[in-house]
Amino acid sequence: MQKREHKQTIFYQSSLPRAGSTLLQNIIGQNPKFHVTPTSGMIDMMLGTRIGYNGNHESKAGDLKQWKEGFYAYCREGFKGYVAALTDKPYILDKNRAWYKFSKFGINKNYTCLGIFPNCFNIYNKIDL
């Protein structure tokens, strides 16, 4: 079995309800180089992995920095495999409101998507009332 090797860039879309996120997905999806998702479960894979890592008693005996790097590497390669199985397009726009919590602006500073992909792109739509 031949392994496909090509670079794919993942963009994370995390927007407030009724802020136009679906419209944005549909517009960007018109570009043939983009694969866009409806609300995706990719972040749930990361959260499930984190729960597994945190619940592992052996991990508490190890070095926290090494554990975090291992977690990030595991998620990074898992995300790459996930999107490679979905599409061979070079750009993926993954939509889930929860991405905001794991961005540099979010409430969860310990685990950010920046740790997984240091150069990740986050898109936030908001309503200006």
N, C-alpha and C. Protein backbone atom coordinates (compact mmCIF):
# COMPACT_ATOMS: atom_id res chain seq x y z
N MET A 1 0.85 -1.18 0.00
CA MET A 1 0.00 0.00 0.00
C MET A 1 0.89 1.24 0.00
N GLN A 2 0.64 2.13 -0.92
CA GLN A 2 1.44 3.34 -1.04
C GLN A 2 0.88 4.43 -0.14
N LYS A 3 1.76 5.10 0.57
CA LYS A 3 1.36 6.18 1.45
C LYS A 3 1.33 7.49 0.67
N ARG A 4 0.20 8.22 0.80
CA ARG A 4 0.10 9.52 0.16
C ARG A 4 0.86 10.55 0.99
N GLU A 5 1.74 11.25 0.35
CA GLU A 5 2.48 12.32 1.04
C GLU A 5 2.17 13.64 0.36
N HIS A 6 1.45 14.47 1.01
CA HIS A 6 1.22 15.82 0.53
C HIS A 6 0.85 16.70 1.72
N LYS A 7 1.16 17.95 1.60
CA LYS A 7 0.92 18.88 2.68
C LYS A 7 -0.53 19.37 2.64
N GLN A 8 -1.16 19.27 3.78
CA GLN A 8 -2.51 19.80 3.93
C GLN A 8 -2.49 20.81 5.08
N THR A 9 -3.17 21.91 4.88
CA THR A 9 -3.25 22.95 5.91
C THR A 9 -4.67 22.95 6.47
N ILE A 10 -4.75 22.90 7.79
CA ILE A 10 -6.06 22.90 8.45
C ILE A 10 -6.32 24.30 9.02
N PHE A 11 -7.48 24.82 8.70
CA PHE A 11 -7.96 26.07 9.28
C PHE A 11 -9.09 25.71 10.23
N TYR A 12 -9.16 26.39 11.36
CA TYR A 12 -10.19 26.12 12.36
C TYR A 12 -11.17 27.28 12.38
N GLN A 13 -12.46 26.96 12.24
CA GLN A 13 -13.51 27.98 12.22
C GLN A 13 -14.35 27.80 13.48
N SER A 14 -14.36 28.81 14.30
CA SER A 14 -15.10 28.77 15.55
C SER A 14 -15.87 30.08 15.69
N SER A 15 -17.15 30.02 15.47
CA SER A 15 -17.93 31.25 15.44
C SER A 15 -19.15 31.15 16.34
N LEU A 16 -19.64 32.30 16.71
CA LEU A 16 -20.86 32.36 17.51
C LEU A 16 -22.06 31.96 16.65
N PRO A 17 -23.11 31.45 17.29
CA PRO A 17 -24.32 31.10 16.53
C PRO A 17 -24.88 32.32 15.80
N ARG A 18 -25.41 32.10 14.63
CA ARG A 18 -26.04 33.12 13.80
C ARG A 18 -25.07 34.21 13.36
N ALA A 19 -23.78 33.88 13.32
CA ALA A 19 -22.77 34.88 12.93
C ALA A 19 -22.32 34.71 11.48
N GLY A 20 -22.92 33.78 10.77
CA GLY A 20 -22.56 33.60 9.37
C GLY A 20 -21.53 32.52 9.10
N SER A 21 -21.30 31.64 10.07
CA SER A 21 -20.27 30.61 9.89
C SER A 21 -20.64 29.62 8.78
N THR A 22 -21.90 29.24 8.68
CA THR A 22 -22.31 28.32 7.63
C THR A 22 -22.18 28.98 6.26
N LEU A 23 -22.57 30.24 6.17
CA LEU A 23 -22.41 30.98 4.92
C LEU A 23 -20.94 31.05 4.53
N LEU A 24 -20.07 31.35 5.49
CA LEU A 24 -18.64 31.39 5.21
C LEU A 24 -18.13 30.03 4.72
N GLN A 25 -18.56 28.96 5.38
CA GLN A 25 -18.16 27.61 4.95
C GLN A 25 -18.59 27.36 3.50
N ASN A 26 -19.83 27.74 3.19
CA ASN A 26 -20.36 27.52 1.84
C ASN A 26 -19.61 28.34 0.79
N ILE A 27 -19.25 29.57 1.12
CA ILE A 27 -18.50 30.41 0.17
C ILE A 27 -17.11 29.84 -0.05
N ILE A 28 -16.41 29.54 1.03
CA ILE A 28 -15.05 29.00 0.90
C ILE A 28 -15.09 27.63 0.23
N GLY A 29 -16.15 26.87 0.47
CA GLY A 29 -16.29 25.56 -0.15
C GLY A 29 -16.41 25.61 -1.67
N GLN A 30 -16.68 26.78 -2.23
CA GLN A 30 -16.74 26.92 -3.68
C GLN A 30 -15.35 26.85 -4.32
N ASN A 31 -14.34 27.09 -3.51
CA ASN A 31 -12.97 26.99 -4.00
C ASN A 31 -12.59 25.51 -4.09
N PRO A 32 -12.21 25.02 -5.26
CA PRO A 32 -11.92 23.59 -5.41
C PRO A 32 -10.71 23.09 -4.61
N LYS A 33 -9.91 24.00 -4.06
CA LYS A 33 -8.75 23.57 -3.26
C LYS A 33 -9.12 23.35 -1.80
N PHE A 34 -10.35 23.70 -1.42
CA PHE A 34 -10.78 23.59 -0.02
C PHE A 34 -11.74 22.44 0.20
N HIS A 35 -11.55 21.74 1.29
CA HIS A 35 -12.55 20.80 1.81
C HIS A 35 -13.09 21.47 3.07
N VAL A 36 -14.39 21.72 3.11
CA VAL A 36 -15.00 22.34 4.28
C VAL A 36 -15.91 21.32 4.95
N THR A 37 -15.99 21.40 6.27
CA THR A 37 -16.82 20.47 7.01
C THR A 37 -18.06 21.19 7.54
N PRO A 38 -19.14 20.44 7.74
CA PRO A 38 -20.20 20.99 8.58
C PRO A 38 -19.63 20.96 10.02
N THR A 39 -20.42 21.19 11.02
CA THR A 39 -19.88 21.10 12.38
C THR A 39 -19.23 19.74 12.53
N SER A 40 -17.96 19.77 12.88
CA SER A 40 -17.12 18.58 12.84
C SER A 40 -16.89 17.99 14.23
N GLY A 41 -16.54 16.74 14.26
CA GLY A 41 -16.20 16.06 15.51
C GLY A 41 -14.70 15.93 15.73
N MET A 42 -13.89 16.61 14.91
CA MET A 42 -12.44 16.45 15.04
C MET A 42 -11.96 16.89 16.42
N ILE A 43 -12.52 17.95 16.98
CA ILE A 43 -12.08 18.39 18.30
C ILE A 43 -12.43 17.35 19.36
N ASP A 44 -13.51 16.61 19.15
CA ASP A 44 -13.89 15.56 20.10
C ASP A 44 -12.84 14.46 20.18
N MET A 45 -12.17 14.21 19.07
CA MET A 45 -11.07 13.23 19.09
C MET A 45 -9.95 13.73 19.98
N MET A 46 -9.64 15.03 19.89
CA MET A 46 -8.59 15.59 20.73
C MET A 46 -8.99 15.53 22.20
N LEU A 47 -10.24 15.89 22.50
CA LEU A 47 -10.70 15.89 23.89
C LEU A 47 -10.73 14.47 24.46
N GLY A 48 -11.15 13.51 23.65
CA GLY A 48 -11.14 12.11 24.09
C GLY A 48 -9.73 11.63 24.39
N THR A 49 -8.80 12.04 23.56
CA THR A 49 -7.40 11.68 23.78
C THR A 49 -6.88 12.31 25.06
N ARG A 50 -7.23 13.57 25.28
CA ARG A 50 -6.77 14.26 26.49
C ARG A 50 -7.34 13.59 27.74
N ILE A 51 -8.59 13.18 27.70
CA ILE A 51 -9.19 12.48 28.84
C ILE A 51 -8.43 11.18 29.10
N GLY A 52 -8.10 10.47 28.02
CA GLY A 52 -7.33 9.23 28.16
C GLY A 52 -5.96 9.47 28.74
N TYR A 53 -5.29 10.49 28.27
CA TYR A 53 -3.96 10.83 28.78
C TYR A 53 -4.04 11.24 30.25
N ASN A 54 -5.01 12.10 30.58
CA ASN A 54 -5.12 12.57 31.96
C ASN A 54 -5.51 11.47 32.92
N GLY A 55 -6.26 10.49 32.45
CA GLY A 55 -6.68 9.38 33.30
C GLY A 55 -5.64 8.29 33.44
N ASN A 56 -4.55 8.40 32.72
CA ASN A 56 -3.49 7.40 32.74
C ASN A 56 -2.58 7.67 33.94
N HIS A 57 -2.61 6.76 34.93
CA HIS A 57 -1.82 6.97 36.15
C HIS A 57 -0.32 6.98 35.87
N GLU A 58 0.12 6.22 34.88
CA GLU A 58 1.55 6.19 34.56
C GLU A 58 2.05 7.54 34.08
N SER A 59 1.18 8.31 33.42
CA SER A 59 1.61 9.61 32.91
C SER A 59 1.93 10.59 34.04
N LYS A 60 1.33 10.40 35.19
CA LYS A 60 1.58 11.29 36.32
C LYS A 60 2.99 11.12 36.89
N ALA A 61 3.59 9.98 36.64
CA ALA A 61 4.93 9.72 37.15
C ALA A 61 6.01 10.31 36.24
N GLY A 62 5.63 10.69 35.04
CA GLY A 62 6.60 11.18 34.06
C GLY A 62 6.75 12.70 34.08
N ASP A 63 7.55 13.16 33.17
CA ASP A 63 7.82 14.58 33.01
C ASP A 63 6.65 15.25 32.29
N LEU A 64 6.08 16.32 32.87
CA LEU A 64 4.91 16.99 32.31
C LEU A 64 5.19 17.57 30.93
N LYS A 65 6.35 18.18 30.75
CA LYS A 65 6.70 18.77 29.45
C LYS A 65 6.76 17.68 28.37
N GLN A 66 7.38 16.56 28.70
CA GLN A 66 7.48 15.44 27.75
C GLN A 66 6.09 14.88 27.45
N TRP A 67 5.25 14.78 28.47
CA TRP A 67 3.89 14.29 28.30
C TRP A 67 3.12 15.19 27.34
N LYS A 68 3.24 16.51 27.56
CA LYS A 68 2.52 17.47 26.72
C LYS A 68 2.99 17.39 25.27
N GLU A 69 4.29 17.31 25.06
CA GLU A 69 4.82 17.18 23.70
C GLU A 69 4.31 15.90 23.04
N GLY A 70 4.25 14.81 23.79
CA GLY A 70 3.71 13.55 23.26
C GLY A 70 2.25 13.67 22.90
N PHE A 71 1.49 14.33 23.76
CA PHE A 71 0.07 14.55 23.49
C PHE A 71 -0.12 15.37 22.22
N TYR A 72 0.64 16.47 22.11
CA TYR A 72 0.53 17.32 20.91
C TYR A 72 0.91 16.56 19.65
N ALA A 73 1.99 15.78 19.72
CA ALA A 73 2.42 15.01 18.55
C ALA A 73 1.37 13.96 18.16
N TYR A 74 0.79 13.32 19.16
CA TYR A 74 -0.25 12.32 18.91
C TYR A 74 -1.45 12.96 18.21
N CYS A 75 -1.90 14.11 18.73
CA CYS A 75 -3.03 14.81 18.11
C CYS A 75 -2.67 15.31 16.72
N ARG A 76 -1.47 15.87 16.57
CA ARG A 76 -1.04 16.41 15.27
C ARG A 76 -1.09 15.32 14.20
N GLU A 77 -0.51 14.17 14.48
CA GLU A 77 -0.51 13.09 13.49
C GLU A 77 -1.90 12.49 13.30
N GLY A 78 -2.69 12.46 14.38
CA GLY A 78 -4.07 11.98 14.27
C GLY A 78 -4.92 12.87 13.39
N PHE A 79 -4.77 14.19 13.56
CA PHE A 79 -5.51 15.14 12.73
C PHE A 79 -5.08 15.01 11.28
N LYS A 80 -3.78 14.87 11.05
CA LYS A 80 -3.29 14.73 9.67
C LYS A 80 -3.88 13.47 9.03
N GLY A 81 -3.90 12.38 9.76
CA GLY A 81 -4.49 11.15 9.23
C GLY A 81 -5.97 11.27 8.98
N TYR A 82 -6.66 11.95 9.88
CA TYR A 82 -8.10 12.15 9.75
C TYR A 82 -8.43 12.93 8.49
N VAL A 83 -7.75 14.06 8.27
CA VAL A 83 -8.08 14.87 7.10
C VAL A 83 -7.59 14.20 5.81
N ALA A 84 -6.49 13.45 5.88
CA ALA A 84 -6.02 12.75 4.68
C ALA A 84 -7.02 11.67 4.25
N ALA A 85 -7.72 11.08 5.22
CA ALA A 85 -8.74 10.08 4.89
C ALA A 85 -9.99 10.73 4.31
N LEU A 86 -10.25 12.00 4.69
CA LEU A 86 -11.43 12.70 4.18
C LEU A 86 -11.24 13.21 2.76
N THR A 87 -10.04 13.76 2.49
CA THR A 87 -9.84 14.46 1.23
C THR A 87 -8.36 14.53 0.88
N ASP A 88 -8.10 14.75 -0.39
CA ASP A 88 -6.72 15.01 -0.81
C ASP A 88 -6.53 16.48 -1.17
N LYS A 89 -7.53 17.30 -0.88
CA LYS A 89 -7.42 18.74 -1.14
C LYS A 89 -6.39 19.35 -0.19
N PRO A 90 -5.71 20.40 -0.64
CA PRO A 90 -4.62 20.96 0.18
C PRO A 90 -5.09 21.78 1.39
N TYR A 91 -6.34 22.24 1.40
CA TYR A 91 -6.81 23.09 2.50
C TYR A 91 -8.10 22.51 3.08
N ILE A 92 -8.15 22.49 4.40
CA ILE A 92 -9.31 21.99 5.12
C ILE A 92 -9.79 23.08 6.05
N LEU A 93 -11.08 23.38 6.02
CA LEU A 93 -11.67 24.32 6.95
C LEU A 93 -12.60 23.54 7.86
N ASP A 94 -12.16 23.32 9.09
CA ASP A 94 -12.91 22.53 10.06
C ASP A 94 -13.71 23.46 10.97
N LYS A 95 -14.99 23.20 11.05
CA LYS A 95 -15.89 24.08 11.80
C LYS A 95 -16.35 23.40 13.09
N ASN A 96 -16.11 24.07 14.20
CA ASN A 96 -16.67 23.65 15.48
C ASN A 96 -16.52 24.81 16.45
N ARG A 97 -17.59 25.18 17.11
CA ARG A 97 -17.57 26.30 18.03
C ARG A 97 -16.55 26.11 19.15
N ALA A 98 -16.26 24.88 19.50
CA ALA A 98 -15.35 24.59 20.62
C ALA A 98 -13.90 24.93 20.31
N TRP A 99 -13.53 25.11 19.04
CA TRP A 99 -12.13 25.46 18.74
C TRP A 99 -11.70 26.73 19.45
N TYR A 100 -12.64 27.65 19.67
CA TYR A 100 -12.30 28.91 20.33
C TYR A 100 -11.70 28.66 21.73
N LYS A 101 -12.26 27.70 22.45
CA LYS A 101 -11.78 27.42 23.79
C LYS A 101 -10.31 26.98 23.80
N PHE A 102 -9.85 26.45 22.68
CA PHE A 102 -8.49 25.93 22.62
C PHE A 102 -7.59 26.79 21.74
N SER A 103 -7.99 28.03 21.53
CA SER A 103 -7.16 28.97 20.77
C SER A 103 -6.35 29.81 21.76
N LYS A 104 -5.52 30.67 21.25
CA LYS A 104 -4.74 31.53 22.15
C LYS A 104 -5.64 32.53 22.88
N PHE A 105 -6.88 32.70 22.43
CA PHE A 105 -7.82 33.61 23.08
C PHE A 105 -8.74 32.90 24.06
N GLY A 106 -8.78 31.58 23.99
CA GLY A 106 -9.75 30.81 24.75
C GLY A 106 -9.43 30.65 26.22
N ILE A 107 -10.32 29.94 26.90
CA ILE A 107 -10.19 29.78 28.35
C ILE A 107 -9.24 28.66 28.73
N ASN A 108 -8.94 27.76 27.81
CA ASN A 108 -8.10 26.62 28.15
C ASN A 108 -6.68 26.86 27.64
N LYS A 109 -5.88 27.56 28.41
CA LYS A 109 -4.53 27.92 28.00
C LYS A 109 -3.56 26.74 28.06
N ASN A 110 -3.91 25.68 28.80
CA ASN A 110 -2.99 24.55 28.94
C ASN A 110 -2.91 23.69 27.69
N TYR A 111 -3.99 23.61 26.94
CA TYR A 111 -4.02 22.79 25.74
C TYR A 111 -4.59 23.62 24.60
N THR A 112 -3.74 24.13 23.76
CA THR A 112 -4.22 24.94 22.64
C THR A 112 -3.94 24.22 21.34
N CYS A 113 -4.71 24.59 20.31
CA CYS A 113 -4.41 24.03 18.99
C CYS A 113 -3.09 24.58 18.49
N LEU A 114 -2.60 25.69 19.10
CA LEU A 114 -1.28 26.20 18.74
C LEU A 114 -0.19 25.22 19.17
N GLY A 115 -0.43 24.47 20.23
CA GLY A 115 0.53 23.44 20.64
C GLY A 115 0.58 22.30 19.64
N ILE A 116 -0.56 22.00 19.06
CA ILE A 116 -0.63 20.92 18.07
C ILE A 116 -0.08 21.40 16.74
N PHE A 117 -0.55 22.55 16.28
CA PHE A 117 -0.09 23.16 15.04
C PHE A 117 0.36 24.59 15.36
N PRO A 118 1.66 24.81 15.58
CA PRO A 118 2.13 26.13 15.99
C PRO A 118 1.72 27.27 15.05
N ASN A 119 1.52 26.98 13.79
CA ASN A 119 1.14 28.02 12.83
C ASN A 119 -0.32 27.89 12.39
N CYS A 120 -1.18 27.43 13.30
CA CYS A 120 -2.57 27.20 12.90
C CYS A 120 -3.31 28.52 12.70
N PHE A 121 -4.34 28.43 11.90
CA PHE A 121 -5.17 29.59 11.58
C PHE A 121 -6.54 29.39 12.20
N ASN A 122 -6.99 30.37 12.96
CA ASN A 122 -8.32 30.32 13.57
C ASN A 122 -9.16 31.44 12.97
N ILE A 123 -10.41 31.11 12.63
CA ILE A 123 -11.34 32.08 12.08
C ILE A 123 -12.50 32.21 13.07
N TYR A 124 -12.82 33.44 13.44
CA TYR A 124 -13.93 33.70 14.36
C TYR A 124 -14.86 34.72 13.74
N ASN A 125 -16.12 34.34 13.61
CA ASN A 125 -17.16 35.30 13.21
C ASN A 125 -17.86 35.72 14.47
N LYS A 126 -18.23 36.97 14.56
CA LYS A 126 -18.99 37.42 15.71
C LYS A 126 -20.09 38.35 15.23
N ILE A 127 -21.07 38.52 16.06
CA ILE A 127 -22.19 39.40 15.76
C ILE A 127 -21.92 40.72 16.46
N ASP A 128 -22.00 41.79 15.73
CA ASP A 128 -21.82 43.12 16.31
C ASP A 128 -23.21 43.74 16.47
N LEU A 129 -23.69 43.75 17.69
CA LEU A 129 -25.04 44.27 17.94
C LEU A 129 -25.00 45.71 18.41
